[in-house]
N, C-alpha and C. Protein backbone atom coordinates (compact mmCIF):
# COMPACT_ATOMS: atom_id res chain seq x y z
N MET A 1 -111.97 -74.03 -23.10
CA MET A 1 -111.03 -73.66 -22.42
C MET A 1 -111.09 -74.10 -21.25
N SER A 2 -112.09 -74.63 -20.75
CA SER A 2 -112.08 -75.27 -19.29
C SER A 2 -111.07 -76.47 -19.01
N ALA A 3 -111.22 -76.82 -20.34
CA ALA A 3 -110.26 -78.27 -20.32
C ALA A 3 -108.91 -77.88 -20.19
N GLN A 4 -108.84 -77.06 -21.07
CA GLN A 4 -107.32 -76.67 -21.07
C GLN A 4 -106.93 -76.28 -19.66
N PHE A 5 -107.78 -75.20 -18.90
CA PHE A 5 -107.00 -74.87 -17.71
C PHE A 5 -107.02 -76.02 -17.03
N LYS A 6 -108.07 -77.02 -16.86
CA LYS A 6 -107.59 -78.12 -15.74
C LYS A 6 -106.30 -78.83 -15.94
N LEU A 7 -105.97 -78.95 -17.59
CA LEU A 7 -105.15 -79.55 -17.90
C LEU A 7 -103.90 -78.97 -17.59
N ASP A 8 -103.56 -77.78 -17.54
CA ASP A 8 -102.29 -76.71 -17.26
C ASP A 8 -102.28 -77.20 -15.68
N GLN A 9 -103.54 -76.76 -14.93
CA GLN A 9 -103.70 -76.86 -13.46
C GLN A 9 -103.04 -78.28 -12.81
N ASN A 10 -103.37 -78.76 -13.60
CA ASN A 10 -102.80 -80.56 -13.29
C ASN A 10 -101.10 -80.82 -13.73
N THR A 11 -100.73 -80.28 -14.49
CA THR A 11 -99.59 -80.55 -14.70
C THR A 11 -98.86 -79.20 -14.18
N ASP A 12 -99.17 -78.21 -13.42
CA ASP A 12 -98.52 -77.81 -12.57
C ASP A 12 -98.52 -78.47 -11.15
N GLN A 13 -99.37 -79.05 -10.88
CA GLN A 13 -99.49 -79.79 -9.43
C GLN A 13 -98.39 -80.91 -9.52
N ASN A 14 -98.24 -81.72 -10.74
CA ASN A 14 -97.22 -82.67 -10.83
C ASN A 14 -95.90 -82.10 -10.85
N ASN A 15 -95.42 -80.16 -11.61
CA ASN A 15 -94.30 -80.31 -11.71
C ASN A 15 -93.78 -79.52 -10.15
N ALA A 16 -94.86 -79.11 -9.02
CA ALA A 16 -94.87 -78.97 -8.16
C ALA A 16 -94.22 -80.19 -7.08
N LYS A 17 -94.40 -81.20 -7.55
CA LYS A 17 -94.00 -82.42 -6.43
C LYS A 17 -92.70 -82.59 -7.25
N GLY A 18 -92.67 -83.18 -8.40
CA GLY A 18 -91.32 -83.47 -8.91
C GLY A 18 -90.52 -82.24 -8.32
N SER A 19 -90.62 -80.84 -8.21
CA SER A 19 -89.46 -79.81 -7.85
C SER A 19 -89.12 -80.13 -6.52
N SER A 20 -90.02 -80.45 -5.75
CA SER A 20 -89.67 -80.86 -4.39
C SER A 20 -89.05 -82.22 -4.61
N GLU A 21 -89.03 -83.38 -4.63
CA GLU A 21 -88.70 -84.38 -5.14
C GLU A 21 -86.91 -84.34 -5.64
N ALA A 22 -86.88 -83.27 -6.19
CA ALA A 22 -85.31 -82.61 -6.62
C ALA A 22 -84.75 -82.21 -5.86
N LYS A 23 -85.23 -81.32 -5.32
CA LYS A 23 -84.80 -80.58 -4.17
C LYS A 23 -84.16 -81.75 -3.20
N LYS A 24 -85.57 -82.45 -3.15
CA LYS A 24 -84.72 -83.68 -1.67
C LYS A 24 -83.53 -84.43 -2.09
N GLU A 25 -83.74 -84.89 -3.08
CA GLU A 25 -82.33 -85.51 -3.68
C GLU A 25 -81.09 -85.28 -4.11
N ILE A 26 -81.00 -83.59 -3.53
CA ILE A 26 -79.92 -82.94 -4.38
C ILE A 26 -79.70 -82.32 -2.65
N ARG A 27 -78.33 -82.96 -2.45
CA ARG A 27 -77.77 -82.92 -1.23
C ARG A 27 -76.18 -82.35 -1.17
N ARG A 28 -76.27 -81.42 -0.21
CA ARG A 28 -74.70 -80.39 -0.55
C ARG A 28 -74.02 -81.77 0.30
N PRO A 29 -72.47 -81.84 -0.20
CA PRO A 29 -71.71 -82.77 0.52
C PRO A 29 -71.26 -82.39 1.67
N ASN A 30 -70.75 -83.10 2.77
CA ASN A 30 -70.28 -82.61 3.95
C ASN A 30 -68.90 -82.27 3.54
N ILE A 31 -68.40 -81.30 3.68
CA ILE A 31 -67.21 -80.80 3.19
C ILE A 31 -65.97 -81.29 3.85
N ASP A 32 -66.41 -81.53 5.59
CA ASP A 32 -65.33 -81.72 6.89
C ASP A 32 -64.90 -83.06 6.18
N ASN A 33 -65.72 -84.34 5.93
CA ASN A 33 -65.87 -85.63 5.00
C ASN A 33 -65.19 -85.57 4.15
N LEU A 34 -65.43 -84.58 3.03
CA LEU A 34 -64.17 -84.78 2.11
C LEU A 34 -62.78 -84.86 2.32
N LEU A 35 -62.77 -83.59 2.85
CA LEU A 35 -61.42 -82.90 3.60
C LEU A 35 -60.78 -84.08 4.18
N LYS A 36 -61.27 -84.57 5.33
CA LYS A 36 -60.74 -85.70 6.13
C LYS A 36 -60.59 -87.16 4.68
N ARG A 37 -61.01 -87.24 3.79
CA ARG A 37 -61.22 -88.69 3.01
C ARG A 37 -59.70 -87.79 2.21
N ILE A 38 -59.79 -86.67 1.82
CA ILE A 38 -58.44 -86.25 0.67
C ILE A 38 -57.28 -86.55 1.57
N SER A 39 -57.18 -86.01 2.75
CA SER A 39 -56.28 -86.04 3.85
C SER A 39 -55.90 -87.60 4.17
N ASP A 40 -56.88 -88.69 4.13
CA ASP A 40 -56.30 -89.73 4.52
C ASP A 40 -55.71 -90.37 3.22
N GLU A 41 -56.32 -90.26 1.49
CA GLU A 41 -55.66 -90.73 0.72
C GLU A 41 -54.38 -90.19 0.52
N ARG A 42 -53.82 -88.77 0.74
CA ARG A 42 -53.27 -88.27 0.55
C ARG A 42 -51.93 -89.00 1.40
N HIS A 43 -52.40 -89.19 3.31
CA HIS A 43 -51.54 -90.06 3.92
C HIS A 43 -51.17 -91.61 3.35
N GLN A 44 -52.04 -92.45 2.81
CA GLN A 44 -52.21 -93.66 2.41
C GLN A 44 -51.07 -93.57 1.45
N GLU A 45 -50.89 -92.75 0.20
CA GLU A 45 -50.01 -92.32 -0.81
C GLU A 45 -48.75 -92.11 -0.72
N LYS A 46 -48.24 -91.44 0.69
CA LYS A 46 -47.25 -91.02 1.19
C LYS A 46 -46.64 -92.59 2.11
N LYS A 47 -47.53 -93.14 2.45
CA LYS A 47 -46.68 -94.14 2.62
C LYS A 47 -46.55 -95.42 1.69
N SER A 48 -47.25 -95.59 1.18
CA SER A 48 -47.25 -96.66 -0.30
C SER A 48 -45.73 -95.86 -0.55
N ASN A 49 -45.56 -94.80 -1.26
CA ASN A 49 -44.19 -94.21 -1.56
C ASN A 49 -43.07 -94.64 -0.90
N LEU A 50 -43.28 -94.84 0.34
CA LEU A 50 -42.21 -94.50 1.39
C LEU A 50 -41.86 -96.00 1.00
N ILE A 51 -42.32 -97.04 1.37
CA ILE A 51 -42.60 -98.68 0.99
C ILE A 51 -41.59 -98.73 -0.12
N ILE A 52 -42.34 -97.87 -1.22
CA ILE A 52 -41.91 -98.51 -2.85
C ILE A 52 -40.16 -98.05 -2.63
N LEU A 53 -39.99 -96.91 -1.75
CA LEU A 53 -38.60 -96.36 -1.99
C LEU A 53 -38.01 -97.19 -1.35
N PHE A 54 -38.34 -97.69 0.06
CA PHE A 54 -37.31 -98.59 0.66
C PHE A 54 -37.13 -99.68 0.07
N PHE A 55 -37.96 -100.48 -0.51
CA PHE A 55 -37.70 -101.63 -1.31
C PHE A 55 -36.42 -101.21 -2.58
N ALA A 56 -36.71 -100.36 -3.29
CA ALA A 56 -35.93 -99.43 -4.22
C ALA A 56 -34.48 -99.41 -3.88
N VAL A 57 -34.53 -98.96 -2.70
CA VAL A 57 -33.06 -98.62 -2.24
C VAL A 57 -32.72 -99.86 -1.68
N LEU A 58 -33.48 -100.96 -1.10
CA LEU A 58 -32.84 -102.31 -0.65
C LEU A 58 -32.42 -103.49 -1.82
N ALA A 59 -33.34 -102.88 -2.91
CA ALA A 59 -32.49 -103.50 -4.08
C ALA A 59 -31.33 -103.13 -4.76
N ILE A 60 -31.22 -102.16 -4.77
CA ILE A 60 -30.18 -101.41 -5.19
C ILE A 60 -29.12 -101.60 -4.22
N SER A 61 -28.89 -101.69 -3.14
CA SER A 61 -28.22 -102.21 -2.03
C SER A 61 -27.51 -103.42 -2.03
N ILE A 62 -28.71 -104.42 -2.31
CA ILE A 62 -28.46 -105.79 -2.58
C ILE A 62 -27.56 -105.90 -3.84
N ALA A 63 -27.92 -105.28 -5.00
CA ALA A 63 -27.18 -105.39 -6.22
C ALA A 63 -26.27 -105.38 -6.19
N THR A 64 -26.06 -103.90 -5.46
CA THR A 64 -24.25 -103.29 -5.36
C THR A 64 -23.38 -104.28 -4.34
N PHE A 65 -23.83 -104.53 -3.82
CA PHE A 65 -23.09 -105.51 -3.07
C PHE A 65 -22.81 -107.26 -3.76
N VAL A 66 -23.82 -107.58 -4.19
CA VAL A 66 -23.57 -108.49 -5.09
C VAL A 66 -22.46 -108.53 -6.25
N PHE A 67 -22.40 -107.54 -6.88
CA PHE A 67 -21.66 -106.92 -7.86
C PHE A 67 -20.50 -106.68 -7.41
N SER A 68 -20.01 -106.13 -6.32
CA SER A 68 -18.83 -105.90 -5.48
C SER A 68 -18.24 -107.13 -5.38
N GLN A 69 -18.70 -108.11 -4.99
CA GLN A 69 -18.31 -109.43 -4.64
C GLN A 69 -17.46 -109.76 -5.36
N VAL A 70 -17.64 -110.06 -6.73
CA VAL A 70 -17.54 -110.54 -7.79
C VAL A 70 -16.35 -110.20 -8.37
């Protein structure tokens, strides 16, 4: 029985070390940083959408001008 007790005691120490290491690895994300990143991504998406819209309107205008001249 004493051998089993020592075996159990060693595994408890290993589990204690493993659980403390696991707690160190798990970190809460920085909410402010995530919100800023989301805001920046939305801003970049709006900017790219406006650029695409501009070129689409420009292409339609040029096509209309070319076909109205013929």
